[in-house]
N, C-alpha and C. Protein backbone atom coordinates (compact mmCIF):
# COMPACT_ATOMS: atom_id res chain seq x y z
N UNK A 1 36.58 -7.20 -112.42
CA UNK A 1 36.33 -6.02 -113.23
C UNK A 1 34.85 -6.01 -113.62
N UNK A 2 34.23 -4.86 -113.54
CA UNK A 2 32.84 -4.66 -113.92
C UNK A 2 32.80 -4.18 -115.36
N UNK A 3 31.90 -4.75 -116.16
CA UNK A 3 31.75 -4.35 -117.56
C UNK A 3 30.35 -3.83 -117.81
N UNK A 4 30.26 -2.82 -118.66
CA UNK A 4 28.98 -2.30 -119.14
C UNK A 4 29.04 -2.16 -120.65
N UNK A 5 27.94 -2.48 -121.30
CA UNK A 5 27.81 -2.30 -122.74
C UNK A 5 26.82 -1.18 -122.97
N UNK A 6 27.21 -0.19 -123.74
CA UNK A 6 26.36 0.95 -124.05
C UNK A 6 26.20 1.01 -125.56
N UNK A 7 24.96 1.14 -126.01
CA UNK A 7 24.68 1.14 -127.45
C UNK A 7 23.68 2.25 -127.75
N UNK A 8 23.90 2.94 -128.87
CA UNK A 8 23.00 4.02 -129.27
C UNK A 8 23.20 4.32 -130.75
N UNK A 9 22.18 4.83 -131.38
CA UNK A 9 22.27 5.29 -132.76
C UNK A 9 22.59 6.76 -132.79
N UNK A 10 23.25 7.19 -133.87
CA UNK A 10 23.62 8.59 -134.05
C UNK A 10 23.00 9.09 -135.35
N UNK A 11 22.49 10.31 -135.31
CA UNK A 11 21.93 10.94 -136.51
C UNK A 11 23.01 11.02 -137.58
N UNK A 12 22.61 10.82 -138.84
CA UNK A 12 23.58 10.83 -139.94
C UNK A 12 24.46 12.08 -139.92
N UNK A 13 23.86 13.23 -139.68
CA UNK A 13 24.60 14.50 -139.69
C UNK A 13 25.59 14.62 -138.53
N UNK A 14 25.47 13.77 -137.54
CA UNK A 14 26.32 13.87 -136.34
C UNK A 14 27.33 12.74 -136.21
N UNK A 15 27.36 11.82 -137.16
CA UNK A 15 28.26 10.67 -137.04
C UNK A 15 29.72 11.11 -137.00
N UNK A 16 30.13 12.01 -137.89
CA UNK A 16 31.52 12.46 -137.92
C UNK A 16 31.89 13.17 -136.61
N UNK A 17 30.97 13.97 -136.09
CA UNK A 17 31.22 14.66 -134.82
C UNK A 17 31.37 13.66 -133.68
N UNK A 18 30.48 12.67 -133.63
CA UNK A 18 30.55 11.66 -132.57
C UNK A 18 31.88 10.90 -132.66
N UNK A 19 32.25 10.51 -133.87
CA UNK A 19 33.50 9.79 -134.09
C UNK A 19 34.70 10.63 -133.63
N UNK A 20 34.70 11.92 -133.95
CA UNK A 20 35.80 12.81 -133.57
C UNK A 20 35.88 12.98 -132.05
N UNK A 21 34.72 13.08 -131.40
CA UNK A 21 34.71 13.22 -129.94
C UNK A 21 35.21 11.95 -129.26
N UNK A 22 34.83 10.79 -129.81
CA UNK A 22 35.33 9.52 -129.27
C UNK A 22 36.85 9.45 -129.45
N UNK A 23 37.35 9.89 -130.59
CA UNK A 23 38.79 9.87 -130.84
C UNK A 23 39.53 10.73 -129.82
N UNK A 24 38.96 11.86 -129.44
CA UNK A 24 39.58 12.72 -128.43
C UNK A 24 39.61 12.04 -127.06
N UNK A 25 38.59 11.25 -126.76
CA UNK A 25 38.59 10.49 -125.51
C UNK A 25 39.76 9.51 -125.51
N UNK A 26 39.96 8.83 -126.63
CA UNK A 26 41.07 7.87 -126.70
C UNK A 26 42.43 8.57 -126.65
N UNK A 27 42.53 9.77 -127.23
CA UNK A 27 43.78 10.53 -127.11
C UNK A 27 44.06 10.85 -125.64
N UNK A 28 43.03 11.27 -124.92
CA UNK A 28 43.18 11.58 -123.49
C UNK A 28 43.55 10.33 -122.70
N UNK A 29 42.95 9.20 -123.04
CA UNK A 29 43.28 7.95 -122.36
C UNK A 29 44.73 7.55 -122.63
N UNK A 30 45.19 7.76 -123.87
CA UNK A 30 46.59 7.47 -124.19
C UNK A 30 47.53 8.33 -123.35
N UNK A 31 47.12 9.57 -123.06
CA UNK A 31 47.95 10.46 -122.24
C UNK A 31 47.91 10.07 -120.77
N UNK A 32 46.74 9.79 -120.24
CA UNK A 32 46.59 9.54 -118.80
C UNK A 32 46.85 8.09 -118.42
N UNK A 33 46.61 7.16 -119.33
CA UNK A 33 46.83 5.73 -119.15
C UNK A 33 46.31 5.17 -117.83
N UNK A 34 45.01 5.33 -117.56
CA UNK A 34 44.47 4.76 -116.32
C UNK A 34 44.56 3.23 -116.36
N UNK A 35 45.10 2.65 -115.32
CA UNK A 35 45.31 1.20 -115.27
C UNK A 35 44.07 0.43 -114.82
N UNK A 36 43.08 1.11 -114.28
CA UNK A 36 41.88 0.44 -113.77
C UNK A 36 40.74 0.45 -114.78
N UNK A 37 41.04 0.76 -116.04
CA UNK A 37 40.01 0.96 -117.05
C UNK A 37 40.32 0.17 -118.31
N UNK A 38 39.28 -0.39 -118.90
CA UNK A 38 39.33 -0.98 -120.25
C UNK A 38 38.21 -0.32 -121.03
N UNK A 39 38.46 0.03 -122.29
CA UNK A 39 37.46 0.78 -123.06
C UNK A 39 37.60 0.43 -124.53
N UNK A 40 36.49 0.12 -125.15
CA UNK A 40 36.43 -0.23 -126.56
C UNK A 40 35.21 0.43 -127.15
N UNK A 41 35.34 1.04 -128.32
CA UNK A 41 34.20 1.64 -129.01
C UNK A 41 34.18 1.11 -130.43
N UNK A 42 33.01 0.64 -130.85
CA UNK A 42 32.80 0.16 -132.21
C UNK A 42 31.77 1.05 -132.89
N UNK A 43 31.98 1.31 -134.18
CA UNK A 43 30.99 2.02 -134.98
C UNK A 43 30.44 1.03 -136.00
N UNK A 44 29.13 0.84 -135.99
CA UNK A 44 28.49 -0.09 -136.91
C UNK A 44 28.06 0.66 -138.17
N UNK A 45 27.83 -0.09 -139.25
CA UNK A 45 27.47 0.51 -140.54
C UNK A 45 26.18 1.32 -140.49
N UNK A 46 25.28 0.98 -139.59
CA UNK A 46 23.98 1.63 -139.54
C UNK A 46 23.96 2.90 -138.69
N UNK A 47 25.13 3.41 -138.31
CA UNK A 47 25.20 4.62 -137.51
C UNK A 47 25.10 4.39 -136.02
N UNK A 48 25.15 3.13 -135.60
CA UNK A 48 25.14 2.83 -134.17
C UNK A 48 26.58 2.77 -133.66
N UNK A 49 26.72 3.15 -132.40
CA UNK A 49 28.00 3.05 -131.71
C UNK A 49 27.79 2.12 -130.52
N UNK A 50 28.79 1.29 -130.27
CA UNK A 50 28.76 0.36 -129.15
C UNK A 50 30.02 0.59 -128.33
N UNK A 51 29.83 0.86 -127.05
CA UNK A 51 30.95 1.07 -126.12
C UNK A 51 30.97 -0.10 -125.14
N UNK A 52 32.13 -0.67 -124.92
CA UNK A 52 32.32 -1.66 -123.87
C UNK A 52 33.30 -1.05 -122.88
N UNK A 53 32.83 -0.86 -121.65
CA UNK A 53 33.62 -0.21 -120.61
C UNK A 53 33.86 -1.21 -119.49
N UNK A 54 35.10 -1.38 -119.11
CA UNK A 54 35.46 -2.23 -117.99
C UNK A 54 36.24 -1.41 -116.98
N UNK A 55 35.89 -1.55 -115.71
CA UNK A 55 36.58 -0.80 -114.67
C UNK A 55 36.63 -1.61 -113.39
N UNK A 56 37.66 -1.32 -112.57
CA UNK A 56 37.85 -2.07 -111.33
C UNK A 56 36.94 -1.59 -110.22
N UNK A 57 37.04 -0.33 -109.82
CA UNK A 57 36.27 0.16 -108.67
C UNK A 57 35.12 1.05 -109.08
N UNK A 58 35.40 2.03 -109.91
CA UNK A 58 34.35 2.90 -110.41
C UNK A 58 34.77 3.41 -111.79
N UNK A 59 33.84 4.02 -112.47
CA UNK A 59 34.11 4.44 -113.85
C UNK A 59 34.69 5.85 -113.93
N UNK A 60 35.07 6.45 -112.81
CA UNK A 60 35.55 7.83 -112.83
C UNK A 60 36.84 8.00 -113.61
N UNK A 61 37.62 6.94 -113.78
CA UNK A 61 38.83 7.05 -114.59
C UNK A 61 38.48 7.45 -116.03
N UNK A 62 37.27 7.17 -116.44
CA UNK A 62 36.78 7.59 -117.76
C UNK A 62 35.94 8.85 -117.66
N UNK A 63 34.97 8.84 -116.77
CA UNK A 63 33.99 9.92 -116.74
C UNK A 63 34.54 11.25 -116.26
N UNK A 64 35.69 11.25 -115.58
CA UNK A 64 36.27 12.51 -115.11
C UNK A 64 37.24 13.14 -116.11
N UNK A 65 37.49 12.47 -117.22
CA UNK A 65 38.37 13.01 -118.25
C UNK A 65 37.62 14.13 -118.99
N UNK A 66 38.27 15.27 -119.17
CA UNK A 66 37.63 16.41 -119.83
C UNK A 66 37.10 16.06 -121.22
N UNK A 67 37.84 15.25 -121.96
CA UNK A 67 37.39 14.87 -123.31
C UNK A 67 36.12 14.03 -123.24
N UNK A 68 35.98 13.21 -122.19
CA UNK A 68 34.75 12.42 -122.05
C UNK A 68 33.59 13.33 -121.66
N UNK A 69 33.85 14.31 -120.81
CA UNK A 69 32.80 15.27 -120.46
C UNK A 69 32.34 16.02 -121.70
N UNK A 70 33.27 16.40 -122.58
CA UNK A 70 32.92 17.07 -123.83
C UNK A 70 32.10 16.14 -124.73
N UNK A 71 32.48 14.86 -124.76
CA UNK A 71 31.74 13.87 -125.54
C UNK A 71 30.29 13.78 -125.05
N UNK A 72 30.09 13.81 -123.74
CA UNK A 72 28.75 13.66 -123.18
C UNK A 72 27.92 14.93 -123.17
N UNK A 73 28.56 16.07 -123.39
CA UNK A 73 27.87 17.37 -123.24
C UNK A 73 26.61 17.50 -124.08
N UNK A 74 26.66 17.16 -125.34
CA UNK A 74 25.46 17.27 -126.19
C UNK A 74 25.12 15.93 -126.84
N UNK A 75 25.43 14.87 -126.10
CA UNK A 75 25.24 13.52 -126.63
C UNK A 75 23.79 13.26 -127.04
N UNK A 76 22.84 13.69 -126.23
CA UNK A 76 21.42 13.44 -126.53
C UNK A 76 21.01 14.08 -127.85
N UNK A 77 21.59 15.20 -128.19
CA UNK A 77 21.26 15.88 -129.45
C UNK A 77 21.80 15.13 -130.65
N UNK A 78 22.90 14.39 -130.49
CA UNK A 78 23.50 13.64 -131.60
C UNK A 78 22.81 12.30 -131.83
N UNK A 79 22.14 11.78 -130.82
CA UNK A 79 21.58 10.44 -130.91
C UNK A 79 20.31 10.39 -131.76
N UNK A 80 20.16 9.27 -132.44
CA UNK A 80 18.92 9.00 -133.19
C UNK A 80 18.08 7.94 -132.48
N UNK A 81 18.67 7.25 -131.53
CA UNK A 81 17.95 6.25 -130.74
C UNK A 81 18.31 6.46 -129.28
N UNK A 82 17.48 5.96 -128.39
CA UNK A 82 17.82 6.08 -126.96
C UNK A 82 19.09 5.31 -126.63
N UNK A 83 19.75 5.75 -125.61
CA UNK A 83 20.94 5.08 -125.13
C UNK A 83 20.50 3.84 -124.35
N UNK A 84 21.08 2.70 -124.67
CA UNK A 84 20.79 1.45 -123.96
C UNK A 84 22.06 1.01 -123.24
N UNK A 85 21.95 0.86 -121.93
CA UNK A 85 23.10 0.46 -121.11
C UNK A 85 22.72 -0.82 -120.37
N UNK A 86 23.66 -1.77 -120.34
CA UNK A 86 23.40 -3.02 -119.63
C UNK A 86 24.71 -3.56 -119.07
N UNK A 87 24.65 -4.15 -117.89
CA UNK A 87 25.82 -4.85 -117.37
C UNK A 87 26.16 -6.00 -118.33
N UNK A 88 27.43 -6.30 -118.45
CA UNK A 88 27.85 -7.35 -119.37
C UNK A 88 28.89 -8.24 -118.68
N UNK A 89 28.91 -9.50 -119.07
CA UNK A 89 29.93 -10.44 -118.60
C UNK A 89 30.70 -10.92 -119.81
N UNK A 90 32.00 -11.00 -119.68
CA UNK A 90 32.83 -11.54 -120.74
C UNK A 90 32.74 -13.06 -120.67
N UNK A 91 32.19 -13.66 -121.70
CA UNK A 91 32.04 -15.10 -121.75
C UNK A 91 33.22 -15.73 -122.46
N UNK A 92 33.72 -15.06 -123.46
CA UNK A 92 34.89 -15.52 -124.20
C UNK A 92 35.68 -14.31 -124.67
N UNK A 93 36.99 -14.47 -124.79
CA UNK A 93 37.84 -13.37 -125.19
C UNK A 93 39.09 -13.95 -125.84
N UNK A 94 39.20 -13.82 -127.14
CA UNK A 94 40.40 -14.28 -127.81
C UNK A 94 41.17 -13.06 -128.33
N UNK A 95 42.13 -12.61 -127.55
CA UNK A 95 43.06 -11.55 -127.91
C UNK A 95 42.39 -10.22 -128.22
N UNK A 96 41.13 -10.03 -127.82
CA UNK A 96 40.47 -8.75 -128.04
C UNK A 96 40.70 -7.83 -126.85
N UNK A 97 40.50 -8.35 -125.67
CA UNK A 97 40.67 -7.58 -124.45
C UNK A 97 41.88 -8.11 -123.70
N UNK A 98 42.74 -7.21 -123.24
CA UNK A 98 43.93 -7.63 -122.50
C UNK A 98 43.52 -8.27 -121.18
N UNK A 99 44.27 -9.24 -120.76
CA UNK A 99 44.06 -9.82 -119.44
C UNK A 99 44.67 -8.90 -118.40
N UNK A 100 44.25 -9.01 -117.18
CA UNK A 100 44.69 -8.12 -116.12
C UNK A 100 46.20 -8.11 -115.94
N UNK A 101 46.88 -9.22 -116.23
CA UNK A 101 48.31 -9.30 -115.97
C UNK A 101 49.18 -9.06 -117.20
N UNK A 102 48.58 -8.63 -118.32
CA UNK A 102 49.38 -8.39 -119.50
C UNK A 102 49.26 -6.95 -119.98
N UNK A 103 50.30 -6.47 -120.58
CA UNK A 103 50.31 -5.09 -121.07
C UNK A 103 49.39 -4.97 -122.27
N UNK A 104 48.75 -3.83 -122.37
CA UNK A 104 47.91 -3.53 -123.53
C UNK A 104 48.84 -3.03 -124.62
N UNK A 105 48.81 -3.65 -125.83
CA UNK A 105 49.71 -3.21 -126.89
C UNK A 105 49.43 -1.77 -127.30
N UNK A 106 50.48 -1.06 -127.64
CA UNK A 106 50.35 0.35 -128.05
C UNK A 106 49.84 0.44 -129.47
């Protein structure tokens, strides 16, 4: 599985909007349940959001979802800092990310 970490700051006035758009992405994921995707989003106290995306072959299981397209539509306008994306390797994982052979709890 390939992992990417994406981090960016959001303008104070846009934090609630960003949070709501992320929630819609997770609602869509709950409906479609792509098995080749792992996705985690954290909101930090300083208005930064951190996304950890894991995928088997390509990230289209996420990027082709209409809710994700809506999330990305005006993303640059909501940001207060540039988007930073980097490949990531899981070095340790204690019950945070499901293993490939176990069900993700609902």
